[in-house]
Amino acid sequence: MRYGFECKEHGSFEVSQPILAEHKAYCPVCGELAQRLFASLDWRWAGSVFRENGSYREDKDYAPVMRG
């Protein structure tokens, strides 16, 4: 995963680290410990509970689950 960090003197940069890492990084210019940046999550609704005509979509309206 790529994580964002920011040095007080030289601005932001990204570092590739494993997910379970401690998430510390040092500025590539001055070598000082940098502050990790946290971004907001961007999520989107995958479907609508309403039909195109505005009425409520019932569970039976969705495609059936495939069974193996």
C-alpha atoms as a PDB file:
ATOM      1  CA  MET A   1       0.000   0.000   0.000  1.00  0.00           C
ATOM      2  CA  ARG A   2       1.073   3.572  -0.572  1.00  0.00           C
ATOM      3  CA  TYR A   3       0.898   5.944   2.381  1.00  0.00           C
ATOM      4  CA  GLY A   4       1.231   9.703   2.423  1.00  0.00           C
ATOM      5  CA  PHE A   5       3.625  11.537   4.728  1.00  0.00           C
ATOM      6  CA  GLU A   6       4.523  15.183   5.158  1.00  0.00           C
ATOM      7  CA  CYS A   7       7.793  16.813   6.156  1.00  0.00           C
ATOM      8  CA  LYS A   8       7.502  20.228   7.844  1.00  0.00           C
ATOM      9  CA  GLU A   9      10.327  21.581   5.674  1.00  0.00           C
ATOM     10  CA  HIS A  10       9.903  19.812   2.308  1.00  0.00           C
ATOM     11  CA  GLY A  11       6.209  18.999   1.915  1.00  0.00           C
ATOM     12  CA  SER A  12       4.405  15.746   1.218  1.00  0.00           C
ATOM     13  CA  PHE A  13       5.620  12.479  -0.281  1.00  0.00           C
ATOM     14  CA  GLU A  14       4.420   8.878  -0.570  1.00  0.00           C
ATOM     15  CA  VAL A  15       6.019   5.664   0.646  1.00  0.00           C
ATOM     16  CA  SER A  16       5.095   2.091  -0.237  1.00  0.00           C
ATOM     17  CA  GLN A  17       4.816  -0.026   2.932  1.00  0.00           C
ATOM     18  CA  PRO A  18       3.169  -3.310   3.978  1.00  0.00           C
ATOM     19  CA  ILE A  19      -0.284  -2.960   5.547  1.00  0.00           C
ATOM     20  CA  LEU A  20       0.922  -4.292   8.911  1.00  0.00           C
ATOM     21  CA  ALA A  21       3.957  -1.982   9.063  1.00  0.00           C
ATOM     22  CA  GLU A  22       4.444   0.622  11.792  1.00  0.00           C
ATOM     23  CA  HIS A  23       3.955   3.380   9.174  1.00  0.00           C
ATOM     24  CA  LYS A  24       6.921   5.580   9.963  1.00  0.00           C
ATOM     25  CA  ALA A  25       8.806   7.370   7.226  1.00  0.00           C
ATOM     26  CA  TYR A  26      11.689   9.789   6.990  1.00  0.00           C
ATOM     27  CA  CYS A  27      11.880  12.697   4.578  1.00  0.00           C
ATOM     28  CA  PRO A  28      13.933  11.710   1.507  1.00  0.00           C
ATOM     29  CA  VAL A  29      15.535  15.194   1.451  1.00  0.00           C
ATOM     30  CA  CYS A  30      16.469  15.977   5.072  1.00  0.00           C
ATOM     31  CA  GLY A  31      16.016  12.608   6.803  1.00  0.00           C
ATOM     32  CA  GLU A  32      13.692  13.936   9.528  1.00  0.00           C
ATOM     33  CA  LEU A  33      10.764  11.843  10.792  1.00  0.00           C
ATOM     34  CA  ALA A  34       7.656  12.801   8.792  1.00  0.00           C
ATOM     35  CA  GLN A  35       4.023  13.057   9.872  1.00  0.00           C
ATOM     36  CA  ARG A  36       1.659  10.488   8.356  1.00  0.00           C
ATOM     37  CA  LEU A  37      -1.268  11.938   6.382  1.00  0.00           C
ATOM     38  CA  PHE A  38      -4.722  10.419   6.719  1.00  0.00           C
ATOM     39  CA  ALA A  39      -7.214  10.683   3.873  1.00  0.00           C
ATOM     40  CA  SER A  40     -10.978  10.415   4.128  1.00  0.00           C
ATOM     41  CA  LEU A  41     -12.600   7.287   2.765  1.00  0.00           C
ATOM     42  CA  ASP A  42     -14.304   7.602  -0.585  1.00  0.00           C
ATOM     43  CA  TRP A  43     -17.202   5.181  -0.863  1.00  0.00           C
ATOM     44  CA  ARG A  44     -20.073   4.976  -3.257  1.00  0.00           C
ATOM     45  CA  TRP A  45     -23.448   3.313  -3.074  1.00  0.00           C
ATOM     46  CA  ALA A  46     -23.383   0.325  -5.426  1.00  0.00           C
ATOM     47  CA  GLY A  47     -27.090   0.270  -6.127  1.00  0.00           C
ATOM     48  CA  SER A  48     -30.301   2.070  -5.503  1.00  0.00           C
ATOM     49  CA  VAL A  49     -33.158   0.962  -3.262  1.00  0.00           C
ATOM     50  CA  PHE A  50     -35.473   2.919  -5.551  1.00  0.00           C
ATOM     51  CA  ARG A  51     -36.662   2.102  -9.047  1.00  0.00           C
ATOM     52  CA  GLU A  52     -36.308   4.567 -11.911  1.00  0.00           C
ATOM     53  CA  ASN A  53     -39.942   5.647 -11.401  1.00  0.00           C
ATOM     54  CA  GLY A  54     -39.221   6.508  -7.740  1.00  0.00           C
ATOM     55  CA  SER A  55     -40.978   3.568  -6.092  1.00  0.00           C
ATOM     56  CA  TYR A  56     -39.214   1.439  -3.454  1.00  0.00           C
ATOM     57  CA  ARG A  57     -37.346  -1.611  -4.775  1.00  0.00           C
ATOM     58  CA  GLU A  58     -38.265  -4.866  -2.995  1.00  0.00           C
ATOM     59  CA  ASP A  59     -35.794  -7.665  -2.223  1.00  0.00           C
ATOM     60  CA  LYS A  60     -37.403  -9.874  -4.893  1.00  0.00           C
ATOM     61  CA  ASP A  61     -36.480  -7.288  -7.554  1.00  0.00           C
ATOM     62  CA  TYR A  62     -32.762  -8.068  -7.202  1.00  0.00           C
ATOM     63  CA  ALA A  63     -31.085 -10.860  -9.156  1.00  0.00           C
ATOM     64  CA  PRO A  64     -31.164 -14.237  -7.362  1.00  0.00           C
ATOM     65  CA  VAL A  65     -27.964 -15.483  -5.780  1.00  0.00           C
ATOM     66  CA  MET A  66     -26.243 -18.211  -7.776  1.00  0.00           C
ATOM     67  CA  ARG A  67     -25.981 -21.498  -5.898  1.00  0.00           C
ATOM     68  CA  GLY A  68     -23.321 -24.078  -6.642  1.00  0.00           C
END
